[in-house]
Amino acid sequence: MANHKSAEKRARQAVVRRARNRAVKSEVRSRVKAVRVAVAAGDREGASAGLRDAERSLRKAASKGVIPKTTAGRSVSRLARAVNALTPR
């Protein structure tokens, strides 16, 4: 346990940050999963609508430092590729 006042404050802040980061990651995973399920079911409209939500949450999580920017970009790219494969050209 922390011995100094500043270390105690840092420990409190870390608990709050960890809870927030876990909530954000959980939301991102849920939105990405929704897109993958829609793609697997062949639901074009649902997949494209879900892609917008998933991309927004991925980019937001990356900008807040919850996940790396490159990871967010890679995930968005792969999801977009899967959704576009459903769309007839």
C-alpha atoms as a PDB file:
ATOM      1  CA  MET A   1       0.000   0.000   0.000  1.00  0.00           C
ATOM      2  CA  ALA A   2       1.092   3.562  -0.622  1.00  0.00           C
ATOM      3  CA  ASN A   3       2.956   5.357   2.148  1.00  0.00           C
ATOM      4  CA  HIS A   4       2.950   8.942   0.875  1.00  0.00           C
ATOM      5  CA  LYS A   5       0.028  11.260   0.366  1.00  0.00           C
ATOM      6  CA  SER A   6       0.738  11.658  -3.340  1.00  0.00           C
ATOM      7  CA  ALA A   7       1.089   7.892  -3.797  1.00  0.00           C
ATOM      8  CA  GLU A   8      -2.254   7.355  -2.072  1.00  0.00           C
ATOM      9  CA  LYS A   9      -3.875   9.820  -4.435  1.00  0.00           C
ATOM     10  CA  ARG A  10      -2.267   8.078  -7.411  1.00  0.00           C
ATOM     11  CA  ALA A  11      -3.655   4.750  -6.174  1.00  0.00           C
ATOM     12  CA  ARG A  12      -7.160   6.246  -5.963  1.00  0.00           C
ATOM     13  CA  GLN A  13      -6.843   7.723  -9.444  1.00  0.00           C
ATOM     14  CA  ALA A  14      -5.642   4.390 -10.828  1.00  0.00           C
ATOM     15  CA  VAL A  15      -8.743   2.638  -9.495  1.00  0.00           C
ATOM     16  CA  VAL A  16     -11.022   5.168 -11.184  1.00  0.00           C
ATOM     17  CA  ARG A  17      -9.084   5.003 -14.462  1.00  0.00           C
ATOM     18  CA  ARG A  18      -9.091   1.215 -14.459  1.00  0.00           C
ATOM     19  CA  ALA A  19     -12.864   1.123 -14.022  1.00  0.00           C
ATOM     20  CA  ARG A  20     -13.375   3.652 -16.813  1.00  0.00           C
ATOM     21  CA  ASN A  21     -10.983   1.862 -19.173  1.00  0.00           C
ATOM     22  CA  ARG A  22     -12.670  -1.479 -18.520  1.00  0.00           C
ATOM     23  CA  ALA A  23     -16.088   0.033 -19.280  1.00  0.00           C
ATOM     24  CA  VAL A  24     -14.851   1.619 -22.508  1.00  0.00           C
ATOM     25  CA  LYS A  25     -13.159  -1.602 -23.671  1.00  0.00           C
ATOM     26  CA  SER A  26     -16.294  -3.572 -22.890  1.00  0.00           C
ATOM     27  CA  GLU A  27     -18.412  -1.171 -24.945  1.00  0.00           C
ATOM     28  CA  VAL A  28     -15.970  -1.370 -27.849  1.00  0.00           C
ATOM     29  CA  ARG A  29     -15.978  -5.174 -27.764  1.00  0.00           C
ATOM     30  CA  SER A  30     -19.789  -5.255 -27.697  1.00  0.00           C
ATOM     31  CA  ARG A  31     -20.103  -2.955 -30.700  1.00  0.00           C
ATOM     32  CA  VAL A  32     -17.472  -4.846 -32.694  1.00  0.00           C
ATOM     33  CA  LYS A  33     -19.176  -8.137 -31.875  1.00  0.00           C
ATOM     34  CA  ALA A  34     -22.525  -6.755 -33.085  1.00  0.00           C
ATOM     35  CA  VAL A  35     -20.964  -5.950 -36.460  1.00  0.00           C
ATOM     36  CA  ARG A  36     -19.362  -9.394 -36.723  1.00  0.00           C
ATOM     37  CA  VAL A  37     -22.661 -11.098 -35.889  1.00  0.00           C
ATOM     38  CA  ALA A  38     -24.483  -9.016 -38.515  1.00  0.00           C
ATOM     39  CA  VAL A  39     -21.819  -9.848 -41.111  1.00  0.00           C
ATOM     40  CA  ALA A  40     -22.062 -13.552 -40.288  1.00  0.00           C
ATOM     41  CA  ALA A  41     -25.841 -13.384 -40.676  1.00  0.00           C
ATOM     42  CA  GLY A  42     -25.510 -11.530 -43.994  1.00  0.00           C
ATOM     43  CA  ASP A  43     -27.418  -8.486 -42.701  1.00  0.00           C
ATOM     44  CA  ARG A  44     -26.082  -5.619 -44.830  1.00  0.00           C
ATOM     45  CA  GLU A  45     -28.086  -2.810 -43.245  1.00  0.00           C
ATOM     46  CA  GLY A  46     -27.419  -3.933 -39.698  1.00  0.00           C
ATOM     47  CA  ALA A  47     -23.735  -4.438 -40.400  1.00  0.00           C
ATOM     48  CA  SER A  48     -23.261  -1.009 -41.956  1.00  0.00           C
ATOM     49  CA  ALA A  49     -25.195   0.690 -39.146  1.00  0.00           C
ATOM     50  CA  GLY A  50     -23.193  -1.235 -36.583  1.00  0.00           C
ATOM     51  CA  LEU A  51     -19.970  -0.334 -38.357  1.00  0.00           C
ATOM     52  CA  ARG A  52     -20.655   3.360 -37.817  1.00  0.00           C
ATOM     53  CA  ASP A  53     -21.165   2.791 -34.084  1.00  0.00           C
ATOM     54  CA  ALA A  54     -18.164   0.480 -33.790  1.00  0.00           C
ATOM     55  CA  GLU A  55     -15.872   2.864 -35.663  1.00  0.00           C
ATOM     56  CA  ARG A  56     -16.946   5.780 -33.489  1.00  0.00           C
ATOM     57  CA  SER A  57     -16.320   3.899 -30.256  1.00  0.00           C
ATOM     58  CA  LEU A  58     -12.993   2.476 -31.505  1.00  0.00           C
ATOM     59  CA  ARG A  59     -11.695   5.883 -32.587  1.00  0.00           C
ATOM     60  CA  LYS A  60     -12.873   7.491 -29.358  1.00  0.00           C
ATOM     61  CA  ALA A  61     -11.200   4.810 -27.232  1.00  0.00           C
ATOM     62  CA  ALA A  62      -7.982   5.298 -29.207  1.00  0.00           C
ATOM     63  CA  SER A  63      -8.065   9.075 -28.799  1.00  0.00           C
ATOM     64  CA  LYS A  64      -8.514   8.666 -25.035  1.00  0.00           C
ATOM     65  CA  GLY A  65      -5.564   6.272 -24.865  1.00  0.00           C
ATOM     66  CA  VAL A  66      -7.588   3.220 -23.831  1.00  0.00           C
ATOM     67  CA  ILE A  67      -6.395   1.263 -26.870  1.00  0.00           C
ATOM     68  CA  PRO A  68      -3.550   2.051 -29.278  1.00  0.00           C
ATOM     69  CA  LYS A  69      -4.433   4.103 -32.352  1.00  0.00           C
ATOM     70  CA  THR A  70      -2.979   1.458 -34.665  1.00  0.00           C
ATOM     71  CA  THR A  71      -5.148  -1.233 -33.100  1.00  0.00           C
ATOM     72  CA  ALA A  72      -8.255   0.876 -33.615  1.00  0.00           C
ATOM     73  CA  GLY A  73      -7.333   1.584 -37.215  1.00  0.00           C
ATOM     74  CA  ARG A  74      -6.672  -2.072 -37.941  1.00  0.00           C
ATOM     75  CA  SER A  75      -9.971  -3.129 -36.375  1.00  0.00           C
ATOM     76  CA  VAL A  76     -11.943  -0.514 -38.304  1.00  0.00           C
ATOM     77  CA  SER A  77     -10.240  -1.530 -41.534  1.00  0.00           C
ATOM     78  CA  ARG A  78     -11.028  -5.222 -41.070  1.00  0.00           C
ATOM     79  CA  LEU A  79     -14.629  -4.541 -40.101  1.00  0.00           C
ATOM     80  CA  ALA A  80     -15.123  -2.219 -43.071  1.00  0.00           C
ATOM     81  CA  ARG A  81     -13.647  -4.815 -45.407  1.00  0.00           C
ATOM     82  CA  ALA A  82     -16.039  -7.464 -44.074  1.00  0.00           C
ATOM     83  CA  VAL A  83     -19.064  -5.152 -44.392  1.00  0.00           C
ATOM     84  CA  ASN A  84     -18.089  -4.072 -47.905  1.00  0.00           C
ATOM     85  CA  ALA A  85     -17.773  -7.706 -48.963  1.00  0.00           C
ATOM     86  CA  LEU A  86     -21.495  -8.075 -48.214  1.00  0.00           C
ATOM     87  CA  THR A  87     -22.475  -5.101 -50.361  1.00  0.00           C
ATOM     88  CA  PRO A  88     -23.091  -5.916 -54.039  1.00  0.00           C
ATOM     89  CA  ARG A  89     -20.970  -3.901 -56.409  1.00  0.00           C
END
